[in-house]
Amino acid sequence: MGLFNDLGKKFEKLKQTAESSADGEATHGCKECETLLYTDYDECPECGSDSVVPVRQD
């Protein structure tokens, strides 16, 4: 079971690194869970809310 825990931790770290480096390119976001999204969704893929809105790009 230790192998799966190690792989899970490494994957989560990689995911967080990728998300943080791409945050500046997000086009939409969920008002409920504040997840940044890169395309328009009818529902948030993280929490299922229909509160997906465009983010303001300065």
N, C-alpha and C. Protein backbone atom coordinates (compact mmCIF):
# COMPACT_ATOMS: atom_id res chain seq x y z
N MET A 1 0.83 -1.20 0.00
CA MET A 1 0.00 0.00 0.00
C MET A 1 0.86 1.25 0.00
N GLY A 2 2.09 1.18 0.49
CA GLY A 2 2.97 2.33 0.54
C GLY A 2 3.29 2.89 -0.83
N LEU A 3 3.39 1.99 -1.83
CA LEU A 3 3.67 2.44 -3.19
C LEU A 3 2.56 3.33 -3.71
N PHE A 4 1.32 2.96 -3.48
CA PHE A 4 0.18 3.75 -3.94
C PHE A 4 0.10 5.09 -3.22
N ASN A 5 0.41 5.11 -1.95
CA ASN A 5 0.44 6.38 -1.20
C ASN A 5 1.51 7.31 -1.76
N ASP A 6 2.69 6.76 -2.04
CA ASP A 6 3.77 7.57 -2.61
C ASP A 6 3.38 8.12 -3.98
N LEU A 7 2.82 7.28 -4.82
CA LEU A 7 2.39 7.73 -6.15
C LEU A 7 1.30 8.79 -6.05
N GLY A 8 0.38 8.61 -5.12
CA GLY A 8 -0.68 9.59 -4.93
C GLY A 8 -0.14 10.94 -4.50
N LYS A 9 0.81 10.93 -3.60
CA LYS A 9 1.41 12.19 -3.14
C LYS A 9 2.17 12.88 -4.27
N LYS A 10 2.91 12.10 -5.07
CA LYS A 10 3.66 12.68 -6.18
C LYS A 10 2.71 13.25 -7.23
N PHE A 11 1.63 12.53 -7.51
CA PHE A 11 0.66 13.02 -8.49
C PHE A 11 0.01 14.31 -8.01
N GLU A 12 -0.37 14.37 -6.75
CA GLU A 12 -1.00 15.57 -6.19
C GLU A 12 -0.05 16.76 -6.26
N LYS A 13 1.21 16.54 -5.96
CA LYS A 13 2.19 17.63 -6.04
C LYS A 13 2.34 18.11 -7.48
N LEU A 14 2.40 17.19 -8.42
CA LEU A 14 2.50 17.55 -9.83
C LEU A 14 1.26 18.31 -10.28
N LYS A 15 0.09 17.87 -9.85
CA LYS A 15 -1.16 18.53 -10.19
C LYS A 15 -1.18 19.96 -9.65
N GLN A 16 -0.78 20.15 -8.41
CA GLN A 16 -0.77 21.48 -7.81
C GLN A 16 0.23 22.39 -8.52
N THR A 17 1.36 21.86 -8.91
CA THR A 17 2.35 22.65 -9.63
C THR A 17 1.80 23.09 -10.98
N ALA A 18 1.17 22.18 -11.69
CA ALA A 18 0.60 22.51 -12.99
C ALA A 18 -0.52 23.53 -12.86
N GLU A 19 -1.36 23.38 -11.85
CA GLU A 19 -2.46 24.32 -11.65
C GLU A 19 -1.95 25.71 -11.30
N SER A 20 -0.95 25.78 -10.44
CA SER A 20 -0.45 27.09 -10.03
C SER A 20 0.26 27.80 -11.17
N SER A 21 0.91 27.07 -12.05
CA SER A 21 1.60 27.71 -13.17
C SER A 21 0.63 28.15 -14.25
N ALA A 22 -0.54 27.55 -14.31
CA ALA A 22 -1.51 27.88 -15.35
C ALA A 22 -2.61 28.82 -14.85
N ASP A 23 -2.57 29.22 -13.59
CA ASP A 23 -3.62 30.07 -13.02
C ASP A 23 -3.83 31.34 -13.82
N GLY A 24 -2.80 31.93 -14.37
CA GLY A 24 -2.91 33.17 -15.11
C GLY A 24 -3.64 33.03 -16.42
N GLU A 25 -3.87 31.82 -16.90
CA GLU A 25 -4.51 31.59 -18.18
C GLU A 25 -5.97 31.16 -18.05
N ALA A 26 -6.49 31.10 -16.86
CA ALA A 26 -7.87 30.66 -16.66
C ALA A 26 -8.83 31.66 -17.28
N THR A 27 -9.87 31.16 -17.93
CA THR A 27 -10.86 32.02 -18.57
C THR A 27 -12.17 32.07 -17.80
N HIS A 28 -12.41 31.07 -16.96
CA HIS A 28 -13.65 30.98 -16.18
C HIS A 28 -13.32 30.51 -14.78
N GLY A 29 -14.25 30.69 -13.87
CA GLY A 29 -14.08 30.24 -12.50
C GLY A 29 -15.41 29.92 -11.87
N CYS A 30 -15.39 29.09 -10.86
CA CYS A 30 -16.60 28.72 -10.11
C CYS A 30 -16.74 29.66 -8.91
N LYS A 31 -17.88 30.31 -8.80
CA LYS A 31 -18.12 31.21 -7.67
C LYS A 31 -18.29 30.45 -6.37
N GLU A 32 -18.72 29.19 -6.42
CA GLU A 32 -18.96 28.41 -5.21
C GLU A 32 -17.66 27.90 -4.58
N CYS A 33 -16.85 27.19 -5.37
CA CYS A 33 -15.64 26.57 -4.81
C CYS A 33 -14.35 27.27 -5.24
N GLU A 34 -14.48 28.32 -6.06
CA GLU A 34 -13.36 29.14 -6.51
C GLU A 34 -12.33 28.38 -7.35
N THR A 35 -12.76 27.30 -8.01
CA THR A 35 -11.89 26.57 -8.92
C THR A 35 -11.72 27.37 -10.20
N LEU A 36 -10.48 27.50 -10.67
CA LEU A 36 -10.22 28.18 -11.93
C LEU A 36 -10.36 27.17 -13.06
N LEU A 37 -10.99 27.60 -14.16
CA LEU A 37 -11.27 26.72 -15.29
C LEU A 37 -10.71 27.35 -16.57
N TYR A 38 -10.44 26.53 -17.54
CA TYR A 38 -9.80 26.98 -18.77
C TYR A 38 -10.72 26.95 -19.98
N THR A 39 -11.94 26.50 -19.77
CA THR A 39 -12.99 26.56 -20.79
C THR A 39 -14.30 26.84 -20.06
N ASP A 40 -15.32 27.20 -20.81
CA ASP A 40 -16.62 27.47 -20.24
C ASP A 40 -17.34 26.14 -19.96
N TYR A 41 -17.87 25.98 -18.78
CA TYR A 41 -18.62 24.79 -18.39
C TYR A 41 -20.02 25.21 -17.97
N ASP A 42 -20.99 24.33 -18.17
CA ASP A 42 -22.33 24.56 -17.64
C ASP A 42 -22.35 24.30 -16.13
N GLU A 43 -21.56 23.31 -15.71
CA GLU A 43 -21.42 22.96 -14.29
C GLU A 43 -19.94 22.86 -13.95
N CYS A 44 -19.59 23.23 -12.74
CA CYS A 44 -18.21 23.10 -12.27
C CYS A 44 -17.84 21.62 -12.18
N PRO A 45 -16.73 21.21 -12.79
CA PRO A 45 -16.33 19.81 -12.70
C PRO A 45 -15.87 19.39 -11.31
N GLU A 46 -15.58 20.35 -10.44
CA GLU A 46 -15.13 20.03 -9.08
C GLU A 46 -16.29 19.85 -8.11
N CYS A 47 -17.24 20.81 -8.12
CA CYS A 47 -18.30 20.77 -7.10
C CYS A 47 -19.70 20.57 -7.68
N GLY A 48 -19.84 20.67 -9.01
CA GLY A 48 -21.15 20.46 -9.63
C GLY A 48 -22.04 21.69 -9.65
N SER A 49 -21.57 22.80 -9.14
CA SER A 49 -22.36 24.03 -9.11
C SER A 49 -22.55 24.58 -10.52
N ASP A 50 -23.66 25.30 -10.73
CA ASP A 50 -23.87 25.94 -12.02
C ASP A 50 -23.43 27.40 -11.99
N SER A 51 -22.58 27.76 -11.04
CA SER A 51 -22.11 29.13 -10.86
C SER A 51 -20.76 29.37 -11.54
N VAL A 52 -20.60 28.89 -12.78
CA VAL A 52 -19.37 29.12 -13.53
C VAL A 52 -19.51 30.45 -14.28
N VAL A 53 -18.54 31.34 -14.07
CA VAL A 53 -18.58 32.67 -14.67
C VAL A 53 -17.23 32.99 -15.31
N PRO A 54 -17.22 33.88 -16.31
CA PRO A 54 -15.93 34.32 -16.87
C PRO A 54 -15.12 35.08 -15.83
N VAL A 55 -13.81 34.88 -15.86
CA VAL A 55 -12.94 35.66 -14.99
C VAL A 55 -12.46 36.87 -15.76
N ARG A 56 -12.24 37.91 -15.06
CA ARG A 56 -11.81 39.17 -15.69
C ARG A 56 -10.33 39.09 -16.00
N GLN A 57 -9.98 39.33 -17.23
CA GLN A 57 -8.58 39.36 -17.65
C GLN A 57 -8.16 40.81 -17.83
N ASP A 58 -7.18 41.27 -17.06
CA ASP A 58 -6.72 42.66 -17.17
C ASP A 58 -5.69 42.80 -18.26
